């Protein structure tokens, strides 16, 4: 048994690094292995079947690296692939291992922030189309009204480092106007995509006063700490030497440059070809 059993953190690109950043701050002792499938990103507009296939490939890769616990720090993968992997693939592939997503921990807590009973979710086309947020939230807060808005331009703006430019202002303002037109009583806005925290400054500028803005990193980090406490058998399998390793399916130079912005510190990645690693 290898002594290296990092916690795997997966995203279609760089966005999951905003989640990893919060997780490593909350639980610095563990080893973490991050994989960004940048060669095939973004996942937001891809079909359910494609997202499922890509995500399953990544999960198998993490298992091959010794991970007992994998976090899908990608809303689209959590929305389109997580349940199938948990129910159909895990029992067959690795019954002792766990794959968790970012939607459920957020759904479990979001209602506690709202006083009007109306929350807004800003997300990619894929996440909105999946209906995952309204479905999951209704399990914990059946009376809560959830209004969604797809923001397809936000990820490309962030990935092309256009966060502080006029283009970002235009699209952020437009999508916020649309969601508040649909739900003027919204008092909580959830950033349902891990790229969106990088637009936080612009979003706050165009948001009505008194609305709370929530990003997932902190919620997921708290939820993970709680999960490891409740599942000591999983926690015991995760190695703790404070190591961090980063992998990308695309150019490492390009990945490191972007990743540093998302992670808030220097990132040095290695390249992996998921297709070549599949048996």
C-alpha atoms as a PDB file:
ATOM      1  CA  UNK A   1       0.000   0.000   0.000  1.00  0.00           C
ATOM      2  CA  UNK A   2       1.564   3.278  -1.065  1.00  0.00           C
ATOM      3  CA  UNK A   3       1.996   5.873   1.662  1.00  0.00           C
ATOM      4  CA  UNK A   4       0.836   8.477  -0.829  1.00  0.00           C
ATOM      5  CA  UNK A   5      -2.925   8.656  -0.627  1.00  0.00           C
ATOM      6  CA  UNK A   6      -3.712  12.257  -1.472  1.00  0.00           C
ATOM      7  CA  UNK A   7      -7.202  13.735  -1.580  1.00  0.00           C
ATOM      8  CA  UNK A   8      -8.039  14.172  -5.266  1.00  0.00           C
ATOM      9  CA  UNK A   9      -9.598  17.425  -6.452  1.00  0.00           C
ATOM     10  CA  UNK A  10     -10.957  17.496 -10.008  1.00  0.00           C
ATOM     11  CA  UNK A  11     -12.151  20.278 -12.266  1.00  0.00           C
ATOM     12  CA  UNK A  12     -12.681  20.730 -15.987  1.00  0.00           C
ATOM     13  CA  UNK A  13     -10.050  23.484 -15.873  1.00  0.00           C
ATOM     14  CA  UNK A  14      -8.810  26.009 -13.341  1.00  0.00           C
ATOM     15  CA  UNK A  15     -12.000  26.884 -11.452  1.00  0.00           C
ATOM     16  CA  UNK A  16     -11.678  24.094  -8.903  1.00  0.00           C
ATOM     17  CA  UNK A  17      -8.505  25.769  -7.657  1.00  0.00           C
ATOM     18  CA  UNK A  18     -10.706  28.376  -5.922  1.00  0.00           C
ATOM     19  CA  UNK A  19     -12.195  25.432  -3.997  1.00  0.00           C
ATOM     20  CA  UNK A  20      -8.817  23.760  -3.402  1.00  0.00           C
ATOM     21  CA  UNK A  21      -7.483  27.038  -2.051  1.00  0.00           C
ATOM     22  CA  UNK A  22     -10.196  27.131   0.642  1.00  0.00           C
ATOM     23  CA  UNK A  23      -9.812  23.395   1.385  1.00  0.00           C
ATOM     24  CA  UNK A  24      -6.028  23.657   1.868  1.00  0.00           C
ATOM     25  CA  UNK A  25      -6.536  26.646   4.155  1.00  0.00           C
ATOM     26  CA  UNK A  26      -9.064  24.732   6.270  1.00  0.00           C
ATOM     27  CA  UNK A  27      -7.220  21.368   6.201  1.00  0.00           C
ATOM     28  CA  UNK A  28      -3.559  22.147   5.478  1.00  0.00           C
ATOM     29  CA  UNK A  29      -2.108  18.871   6.790  1.00  0.00           C
ATOM     30  CA  UNK A  30      -3.448  16.559   4.081  1.00  0.00           C
ATOM     31  CA  UNK A  31      -1.828  15.763   0.724  1.00  0.00           C
ATOM     32  CA  UNK A  32      -3.754  17.018  -2.315  1.00  0.00           C
ATOM     33  CA  UNK A  33      -3.653  16.053  -5.960  1.00  0.00           C
ATOM     34  CA  UNK A  34      -5.356  18.455  -8.384  1.00  0.00           C
ATOM     35  CA  UNK A  35      -6.281  17.614 -11.965  1.00  0.00           C
ATOM     36  CA  UNK A  36      -7.609  20.172 -14.437  1.00  0.00           C
ATOM     37  CA  UNK A  37      -8.932  18.700 -17.682  1.00  0.00           C
ATOM     38  CA  UNK A  38      -8.030  21.913 -19.525  1.00  0.00           C
ATOM     39  CA  UNK A  39      -7.646  20.185 -22.907  1.00  0.00           C
ATOM     40  CA  UNK A  40     -11.377  19.432 -22.934  1.00  0.00           C
ATOM     41  CA  UNK A  41     -12.713  22.373 -20.972  1.00  0.00           C
ATOM     42  CA  UNK A  42     -15.161  23.998 -20.621  1.00  0.00           C
ATOM     43  CA  UNK A  43     -17.650  21.282 -19.685  1.00  0.00           C
ATOM     44  CA  UNK A  44     -20.570  23.717 -19.330  1.00  0.00           C
ATOM     45  CA  UNK A  45     -22.031  23.224 -22.816  1.00  0.00           C
ATOM     46  CA  UNK A  46     -21.247  19.525 -23.258  1.00  0.00           C
ATOM     47  CA  UNK A  47     -23.817  16.719 -23.158  1.00  0.00           C
ATOM     48  CA  UNK A  48     -24.537  14.706 -20.001  1.00  0.00           C
ATOM     49  CA  UNK A  49     -22.982  11.600 -21.563  1.00  0.00           C
ATOM     50  CA  UNK A  50     -19.743  13.384 -22.534  1.00  0.00           C
ATOM     51  CA  UNK A  51     -19.330  15.030 -19.119  1.00  0.00           C
ATOM     52  CA  UNK A  52     -19.979  11.671 -17.458  1.00  0.00           C
ATOM     53  CA  UNK A  53     -17.372   9.881 -19.628  1.00  0.00           C
ATOM     54  CA  UNK A  54     -14.727  12.566 -19.056  1.00  0.00           C
ATOM     55  CA  UNK A  55     -15.384  12.704 -15.312  1.00  0.00           C
ATOM     56  CA  UNK A  56     -15.302   8.925 -14.931  1.00  0.00           C
ATOM     57  CA  UNK A  57     -11.962   8.842 -16.779  1.00  0.00           C
ATOM     58  CA  UNK A  58     -10.568  11.394 -14.327  1.00  0.00           C
ATOM     59  CA  UNK A  59     -11.952   9.553 -11.281  1.00  0.00           C
ATOM     60  CA  UNK A  60     -10.305   6.295 -12.446  1.00  0.00           C
ATOM     61  CA  UNK A  61      -7.036   8.183 -12.904  1.00  0.00           C
ATOM     62  CA  UNK A  62      -7.244   9.519  -9.328  1.00  0.00           C
ATOM     63  CA  UNK A  63      -7.869   6.000  -8.025  1.00  0.00           C
ATOM     64  CA  UNK A  64      -4.767   4.828  -9.929  1.00  0.00           C
ATOM     65  CA  UNK A  65      -2.771   7.544  -8.139  1.00  0.00           C
ATOM     66  CA  UNK A  66      -3.823   6.142  -4.767  1.00  0.00           C
ATOM     67  CA  UNK A  67      -6.643   8.573  -3.924  1.00  0.00           C
ATOM     68  CA  UNK A  68      -9.331   7.121  -1.636  1.00  0.00           C
ATOM     69  CA  UNK A  69     -11.365  10.326  -1.734  1.00  0.00           C
ATOM     70  CA  UNK A  70     -12.049  12.478  -4.798  1.00  0.00           C
ATOM     71  CA  UNK A  71     -13.822  15.840  -4.760  1.00  0.00           C
ATOM     72  CA  UNK A  72     -15.473  16.950  -7.997  1.00  0.00           C
ATOM     73  CA  UNK A  73     -14.786  20.661  -7.545  1.00  0.00           C
ATOM     74  CA  UNK A  74     -16.670  21.305 -10.773  1.00  0.00           C
ATOM     75  CA  UNK A  75     -20.353  22.173 -10.744  1.00  0.00           C
ATOM     76  CA  UNK A  76     -20.990  20.740 -14.201  1.00  0.00           C
ATOM     77  CA  UNK A  77     -19.331  17.416 -13.330  1.00  0.00           C
ATOM     78  CA  UNK A  78     -21.175  17.371  -9.984  1.00  0.00           C
ATOM     79  CA  UNK A  79     -24.449  18.079 -11.793  1.00  0.00           C
ATOM     80  CA  UNK A  80     -24.071  15.708 -14.733  1.00  0.00           C
ATOM     81  CA  UNK A  81     -21.840  12.852 -13.561  1.00  0.00           C
ATOM     82  CA  UNK A  82     -21.629  12.510  -9.783  1.00  0.00           C
ATOM     83  CA  UNK A  83     -24.801  10.547  -9.083  1.00  0.00           C
ATOM     84  CA  UNK A  84     -24.151   7.957 -11.827  1.00  0.00           C
ATOM     85  CA  UNK A  85     -20.562   7.488 -10.650  1.00  0.00           C
ATOM     86  CA  UNK A  86     -21.645   7.114  -7.018  1.00  0.00           C
ATOM     87  CA  UNK A  87     -24.486   4.708  -7.755  1.00  0.00           C
ATOM     88  CA  UNK A  88     -23.241   2.665 -10.739  1.00  0.00           C
ATOM     89  CA  UNK A  89     -19.461   2.865 -10.980  1.00  0.00           C
ATOM     90  CA  UNK A  90     -18.104   3.060  -7.428  1.00  0.00           C
ATOM     91  CA  UNK A  91     -19.674  -0.195  -6.173  1.00  0.00           C
ATOM     92  CA  UNK A  92     -18.049  -1.959  -9.138  1.00  0.00           C
ATOM     93  CA  UNK A  93     -14.736  -0.119  -9.390  1.00  0.00           C
ATOM     94  CA  UNK A  94     -13.777   0.738  -5.834  1.00  0.00           C
ATOM     95  CA  UNK A  95     -16.424   0.120  -3.159  1.00  0.00           C
ATOM     96  CA  UNK A  96     -14.112   1.433  -0.420  1.00  0.00           C
ATOM     97  CA  UNK A  97     -13.463   4.773  -2.116  1.00  0.00           C
ATOM     98  CA  UNK A  98     -15.566   7.924  -2.163  1.00  0.00           C
ATOM     99  CA  UNK A  99     -16.407  10.613  -4.722  1.00  0.00           C
ATOM    100  CA  UNK A 100     -18.068  13.818  -3.479  1.00  0.00           C
ATOM    101  CA  UNK A 101     -19.347  16.906  -5.291  1.00  0.00           C
ATOM    102  CA  UNK A 102     -19.828  20.615  -4.601  1.00  0.00           C
ATOM    103  CA  UNK A 103     -23.587  20.930  -5.116  1.00  0.00           C
ATOM    104  CA  UNK A 104     -24.919  18.996  -2.134  1.00  0.00           C
ATOM    105  CA  UNK A 105     -22.862  20.752   0.597  1.00  0.00           C
ATOM    106  CA  UNK A 106     -24.050  24.075  -0.827  1.00  0.00           C
ATOM    107  CA  UNK A 107     -27.682  22.912  -1.031  1.00  0.00           C
ATOM    108  CA  UNK A 108     -27.589  21.775   2.608  1.00  0.00           C
ATOM    109  CA  UNK A 109     -26.819  25.269   3.867  1.00  0.00           C
ATOM    110  CA  UNK A 110     -28.027  27.888   1.370  1.00  0.00           C
ATOM    111  CA  UNK A 111     -31.517  28.298   2.864  1.00  0.00           C
ATOM    112  CA  UNK A 112     -30.081  29.460   6.169  1.00  0.00           C
ATOM    113  CA  UNK A 113     -28.776  32.630   4.503  1.00  0.00           C
ATOM    114  CA  UNK A 114     -32.129  33.756   3.067  1.00  0.00           C
ATOM    115  CA  UNK A 115     -34.805  35.800   4.804  1.00  0.00           C
ATOM    116  CA  UNK A 116     -37.117  36.305   1.811  1.00  0.00           C
ATOM    117  CA  UNK A 117     -37.140  32.600   0.880  1.00  0.00           C
ATOM    118  CA  UNK A 118     -35.903  33.382  -2.643  1.00  0.00           C
ATOM    119  CA  UNK A 119     -32.360  32.560  -3.739  1.00  0.00           C
ATOM    120  CA  UNK A 120     -30.621  33.045  -7.075  1.00  0.00           C
ATOM    121  CA  UNK A 121     -28.153  30.666  -8.683  1.00  0.00           C
ATOM    122  CA  UNK A 122     -25.702  31.921 -11.308  1.00  0.00           C
ATOM    123  CA  UNK A 123     -24.152  29.007 -13.210  1.00  0.00           C
ATOM    124  CA  UNK A 124     -23.102  27.542 -16.559  1.00  0.00           C
ATOM    125  CA  UNK A 125     -25.639  26.336 -19.148  1.00  0.00           C
ATOM    126  CA  UNK A 126     -24.928  22.725 -18.188  1.00  0.00           C
ATOM    127  CA  UNK A 127     -25.513  23.205 -14.476  1.00  0.00           C
ATOM    128  CA  UNK A 128     -28.696  25.222 -15.056  1.00  0.00           C
ATOM    129  CA  UNK A 129     -30.054  22.692 -17.567  1.00  0.00           C
ATOM    130  CA  UNK A 130     -29.402  19.795 -15.181  1.00  0.00           C
ATOM    131  CA  UNK A 131     -31.728  21.344 -12.558  1.00  0.00           C
ATOM    132  CA  UNK A 132     -29.340  19.987  -9.908  1.00  0.00           C
ATOM    133  CA  UNK A 133     -29.463  23.041  -7.650  1.00  0.00           C
ATOM    134  CA  UNK A 134     -33.277  23.343  -7.438  1.00  0.00           C
ATOM    135  CA  UNK A 135     -33.551  19.547  -6.976  1.00  0.00           C
ATOM    136  CA  UNK A 136     -30.909  19.306  -4.236  1.00  0.00           C
ATOM    137  CA  UNK A 137     -31.994  22.492  -2.448  1.00  0.00           C
ATOM    138  CA  UNK A 138     -35.638  21.337  -2.347  1.00  0.00           C
ATOM    139  CA  UNK A 139     -34.539  18.269  -0.324  1.00  0.00           C
ATOM    140  CA  UNK A 140     -33.301  20.502   2.498  1.00  0.00           C
ATOM    141  CA  UNK A 141     -35.460  23.629   2.045  1.00  0.00           C
ATOM    142  CA  UNK A 142     -38.688  22.567   0.301  1.00  0.00           C
ATOM    143  CA  UNK A 143     -40.238  26.027   0.624  1.00  0.00           C
ATOM    144  CA  UNK A 144     -37.271  27.892  -0.813  1.00  0.00           C
ATOM    145  CA  UNK A 145     -37.751  29.376  -4.280  1.00  0.00           C
ATOM    146  CA  UNK A 146     -34.685  28.922  -6.506  1.00  0.00           C
ATOM    147  CA  UNK A 147     -34.250  31.145  -9.561  1.00  0.00           C
ATOM    148  CA  UNK A 148     -31.462  30.251 -11.997  1.00  0.00           C
ATOM    149  CA  UNK A 149     -29.584  32.255 -14.579  1.00  0.00           C
ATOM    150  CA  UNK A 150     -27.123  30.767 -17.071  1.00  0.00           C
ATOM    151  CA  UNK A 151     -24.067  32.990 -17.598  1.00  0.00           C
ATOM    152  CA  UNK A 152     -22.284  31.367 -20.567  1.00  0.00           C
ATOM    153  CA  UNK A 153     -19.878  34.261 -21.116  1.00  0.00           C
ATOM    154  CA  UNK A 154     -18.465  34.392 -17.595  1.00  0.00           C
ATOM    155  CA  UNK A 155     -16.098  31.413 -17.810  1.00  0.00           C
ATOM    156  CA  UNK A 156     -14.436  32.577 -21.078  1.00  0.00           C
ATOM    157  CA  UNK A 157     -14.065  36.077 -19.590  1.00  0.00           C
ATOM    158  CA  UNK A 158     -12.274  34.676 -16.549  1.00  0.00           C
ATOM    159  CA  UNK A 159     -10.148  32.213 -18.528  1.00  0.00           C
ATOM    160  CA  UNK A 160      -9.002  34.977 -20.858  1.00  0.00           C
ATOM    161  CA  UNK A 161      -8.158  37.213 -17.920  1.00  0.00           C
ATOM    162  CA  UNK A 162     -10.793  39.796 -18.894  1.00  0.00           C
ATOM    163  CA  UNK A 163     -12.237  40.071 -15.361  1.00  0.00           C
ATOM    164  CA  UNK A 164     -11.497  43.765 -14.969  1.00  0.00           C
ATOM    165  CA  UNK A 165     -12.414  44.884 -18.472  1.00  0.00           C
ATOM    166  CA  UNK A 166     -15.509  46.504 -19.979  1.00  0.00           C
ATOM    167  CA  UNK A 167     -16.654  43.174 -21.470  1.00  0.00           C
ATOM    168  CA  UNK A 168     -16.933  41.646 -18.016  1.00  0.00           C
ATOM    169  CA  UNK A 169     -18.954  44.646 -16.795  1.00  0.00           C
ATOM    170  CA  UNK A 170     -21.338  44.302 -19.728  1.00  0.00           C
ATOM    171  CA  UNK A 171     -22.082  40.591 -19.285  1.00  0.00           C
ATOM    172  CA  UNK A 172     -22.178  40.630 -15.488  1.00  0.00           C
ATOM    173  CA  UNK A 173     -24.594  43.570 -15.485  1.00  0.00           C
ATOM    174  CA  UNK A 174     -26.751  41.913 -18.159  1.00  0.00           C
ATOM    175  CA  UNK A 175     -27.037  38.554 -16.337  1.00  0.00           C
ATOM    176  CA  UNK A 176     -27.692  40.199 -12.975  1.00  0.00           C
ATOM    177  CA  UNK A 177     -30.446  42.354 -14.473  1.00  0.00           C
ATOM    178  CA  UNK A 178     -32.010  39.213 -15.973  1.00  0.00           C
ATOM    179  CA  UNK A 179     -31.981  37.221 -12.741  1.00  0.00           C
ATOM    180  CA  UNK A 180     -33.363  40.101 -10.651  1.00  0.00           C
ATOM    181  CA  UNK A 181     -36.072  40.716 -13.263  1.00  0.00           C
ATOM    182  CA  UNK A 182     -37.153  37.094 -12.734  1.00  0.00           C
ATOM    183  CA  UNK A 183     -36.845  37.318  -8.947  1.00  0.00           C
ATOM    184  CA  UNK A 184     -36.822  40.786  -7.430  1.00  0.00           C
ATOM    185  CA  UNK A 185     -37.115  39.230  -3.942  1.00  0.00           C
ATOM    186  CA  UNK A 186     -33.805  37.352  -4.251  1.00  0.00           C
ATOM    187  CA  UNK A 187     -31.700  38.113  -1.170  1.00  0.00           C
ATOM    188  CA  UNK A 188     -28.995  35.464  -1.642  1.00  0.00           C
ATOM    189  CA  UNK A 189     -26.960  34.941  -4.827  1.00  0.00           C
ATOM    190  CA  UNK A 190     -24.973  31.744  -5.189  1.00  0.00           C
ATOM    191  CA  UNK A 191     -22.012  31.593  -7.523  1.00  0.00           C
ATOM    192  CA  UNK A 192     -22.727  28.114  -8.896  1.00  0.00           C
ATOM    193  CA  UNK A 193     -19.492  27.892 -10.861  1.00  0.00           C
ATOM    194  CA  UNK A 194     -16.003  27.831  -9.386  1.00  0.00           C
ATOM    195  CA  UNK A 195     -14.735  30.412 -11.917  1.00  0.00           C
ATOM    196  CA  UNK A 196     -17.177  33.063 -10.783  1.00  0.00           C
ATOM    197  CA  UNK A 197     -15.444  34.141  -7.527  1.00  0.00           C
ATOM    198  CA  UNK A 198     -12.864  35.834  -9.744  1.00  0.00           C
ATOM    199  CA  UNK A 199     -15.648  38.157 -10.936  1.00  0.00           C
ATOM    200  CA  UNK A 200     -16.763  38.901  -7.392  1.00  0.00           C
ATOM    201  CA  UNK A 201     -15.700  42.553  -7.417  1.00  0.00           C
ATOM    202  CA  UNK A 202     -17.659  43.268 -10.618  1.00  0.00           C
ATOM    203  CA  UNK A 203     -20.703  41.269  -9.431  1.00  0.00           C
ATOM    204  CA  UNK A 204     -20.828  43.211  -6.155  1.00  0.00           C
ATOM    205  CA  UNK A 205     -20.755  46.452  -8.120  1.00  0.00           C
ATOM    206  CA  UNK A 206     -23.953  45.618 -10.055  1.00  0.00           C
ATOM    207  CA  UNK A 207     -25.783  43.736  -7.326  1.00  0.00           C
ATOM    208  CA  UNK A 208     -28.672  45.286  -5.398  1.00  0.00           C
ATOM    209  CA  UNK A 209     -27.770  46.463  -1.893  1.00  0.00           C
ATOM    210  CA  UNK A 210     -28.551  43.976   0.872  1.00  0.00           C
ATOM    211  CA  UNK A 211     -28.123  40.842  -1.255  1.00  0.00           C
ATOM    212  CA  UNK A 212     -25.654  38.262   0.087  1.00  0.00           C
ATOM    213  CA  UNK A 213     -23.148  36.805  -2.360  1.00  0.00           C
ATOM    214  CA  UNK A 214     -22.011  33.252  -1.667  1.00  0.00           C
ATOM    215  CA  UNK A 215     -19.177  31.337  -3.284  1.00  0.00           C
ATOM    216  CA  UNK A 216     -18.709  27.646  -2.699  1.00  0.00           C
ATOM    217  CA  UNK A 217     -15.095  27.222  -1.661  1.00  0.00           C
ATOM    218  CA  UNK A 218     -15.629  27.999   1.989  1.00  0.00           C
ATOM    219  CA  UNK A 219     -18.812  25.887   2.219  1.00  0.00           C
ATOM    220  CA  UNK A 220     -17.115  22.904   0.556  1.00  0.00           C
ATOM    221  CA  UNK A 221     -14.052  23.208   2.825  1.00  0.00           C
ATOM    222  CA  UNK A 222     -16.209  23.231   5.971  1.00  0.00           C
ATOM    223  CA  UNK A 223     -18.278  20.355   4.633  1.00  0.00           C
ATOM    224  CA  UNK A 224     -15.149  18.300   3.847  1.00  0.00           C
ATOM    225  CA  UNK A 225     -13.717  18.843   7.340  1.00  0.00           C
ATOM    226  CA  UNK A 226     -17.050  17.676   8.755  1.00  0.00           C
ATOM    227  CA  UNK A 227     -17.142  14.671   6.400  1.00  0.00           C
ATOM    228  CA  UNK A 228     -13.651  13.508   7.417  1.00  0.00           C
ATOM    229  CA  UNK A 229     -14.611  13.818  11.069  1.00  0.00           C
ATOM    230  CA  UNK A 230     -17.729  11.709  10.522  1.00  0.00           C
ATOM    231  CA  UNK A 231     -15.861   9.125   8.408  1.00  0.00           C
ATOM    232  CA  UNK A 232     -12.631   8.357  10.272  1.00  0.00           C
ATOM    233  CA  UNK A 233     -12.179   5.249   8.098  1.00  0.00           C
ATOM    234  CA  UNK A 234     -11.817   7.494   5.008  1.00  0.00           C
ATOM    235  CA  UNK A 235      -9.726  10.114   6.841  1.00  0.00           C
ATOM    236  CA  UNK A 236      -7.339   7.361   8.004  1.00  0.00           C
ATOM    237  CA  UNK A 237      -6.640   6.420   4.368  1.00  0.00           C
ATOM    238  CA  UNK A 238      -5.623   9.976   3.385  1.00  0.00           C
ATOM    239  CA  UNK A 239      -1.908  10.742   3.722  1.00  0.00           C
ATOM    240  CA  UNK A 240      -0.839  13.824   5.662  1.00  0.00           C
ATOM    241  CA  UNK A 241       2.466  15.320   4.683  1.00  0.00           C
ATOM    242  CA  UNK A 242       1.143  18.642   3.424  1.00  0.00           C
ATOM    243  CA  UNK A 243       2.035  17.852  -0.207  1.00  0.00           C
ATOM    244  CA  UNK A 244       0.393  19.501  -3.212  1.00  0.00           C
ATOM    245  CA  UNK A 245       0.630  18.194  -6.777  1.00  0.00           C
ATOM    246  CA  UNK A 246      -1.009  19.689  -9.876  1.00  0.00           C
ATOM    247  CA  UNK A 247      -1.770  18.006 -13.190  1.00  0.00           C
ATOM    248  CA  UNK A 248      -3.300  19.265 -16.421  1.00  0.00           C
ATOM    249  CA  UNK A 249      -4.364  17.552 -19.647  1.00  0.00           C
ATOM    250  CA  UNK A 250      -3.160  20.563 -21.660  1.00  0.00           C
ATOM    251  CA  UNK A 251      -0.093  22.824 -21.820  1.00  0.00           C
ATOM    252  CA  UNK A 252       1.587  23.088 -18.403  1.00  0.00           C
ATOM    253  CA  UNK A 253       2.908  26.587 -19.149  1.00  0.00           C
ATOM    254  CA  UNK A 254      -0.547  27.885 -19.939  1.00  0.00           C
ATOM    255  CA  UNK A 255      -2.082  26.021 -16.995  1.00  0.00           C
ATOM    256  CA  UNK A 256       0.464  27.331 -14.470  1.00  0.00           C
ATOM    257  CA  UNK A 257      -0.037  30.902 -15.625  1.00  0.00           C
ATOM    258  CA  UNK A 258      -3.845  30.750 -15.185  1.00  0.00           C
ATOM    259  CA  UNK A 259      -3.788  28.466 -12.165  1.00  0.00           C
ATOM    260  CA  UNK A 260      -1.666  30.872 -10.142  1.00  0.00           C
ATOM    261  CA  UNK A 261      -4.458  33.464 -10.420  1.00  0.00           C
ATOM    262  CA  UNK A 262      -7.141  30.992  -9.264  1.00  0.00           C
ATOM    263  CA  UNK A 263      -5.069  29.352  -6.531  1.00  0.00           C
ATOM    264  CA  UNK A 264      -3.624  32.593  -5.215  1.00  0.00           C
ATOM    265  CA  UNK A 265      -0.068  31.229  -5.211  1.00  0.00           C
ATOM    266  CA  UNK A 266       2.496  29.714  -7.568  1.00  0.00           C
ATOM    267  CA  UNK A 267       1.480  26.477  -9.295  1.00  0.00           C
ATOM    268  CA  UNK A 268       3.835  24.114 -11.097  1.00  0.00           C
ATOM    269  CA  UNK A 269       1.946  21.391 -12.946  1.00  0.00           C
ATOM    270  CA  UNK A 270       2.728  18.161 -14.764  1.00  0.00           C
ATOM    271  CA  UNK A 271       1.050  16.965 -17.938  1.00  0.00           C
ATOM    272  CA  UNK A 272      -1.148  13.869 -18.087  1.00  0.00           C
ATOM    273  CA  UNK A 273      -2.933  12.322 -21.053  1.00  0.00           C
ATOM    274  CA  UNK A 274      -6.142  10.762 -19.709  1.00  0.00           C
ATOM    275  CA  UNK A 275      -6.830   8.828 -22.918  1.00  0.00           C
ATOM    276  CA  UNK A 276      -3.415   7.189 -22.779  1.00  0.00           C
ATOM    277  CA  UNK A 277      -3.825   6.182 -19.125  1.00  0.00           C
ATOM    278  CA  UNK A 278      -7.110   4.349 -19.750  1.00  0.00           C
ATOM    279  CA  UNK A 279      -6.838   0.597 -20.093  1.00  0.00           C
END
